[in-house]
Amino acid sequence: ESAARKAEQVHRATDQRVFALEREREEHLCALSDKESVVARLQHALDARDTAQDCERTRLETEARDCRKRLEEVEMQLRQMEKQLAESRSTAARAASLSNTVELEEQLNKMCQDVLAK
């Protein structure tokens, strides 16, 4: 009887240990599942961040390309304006020279008239 009781105690102790190990296993599985869930959320957040960064990079590259194109257009307009300014200065210089010539011619005519009048 003592051996049977001892065997029963060992059996109960073994059952309790098995139960405790199964409970511990379930807790570990739950913890693992929670960690996997956290990892999945973090991965999703990283993917979203990467996508947002890609969109921002694309937007900035497009904006930079548009700015370079606009700069080229403005530089071309500036070169045209500088050319027009040079032409205007040249025209103004010719006009001033022509005006001086006309004044000199008028003075010369007056001098001739004065000499002829004497």
Foldseek 3Di string as FASTA:
>chain_A
DVVVVVVVVVVVVVVVVVVVVVVVVVVVVVVVVVVVVVVVVVVVVVVVVVVVVVVVVVVVVVVVVVVVVVVVVVVVVVVVVVVVVVVVVVVVVVVVVVVVVVVVVVVVVVVVVVVVVD
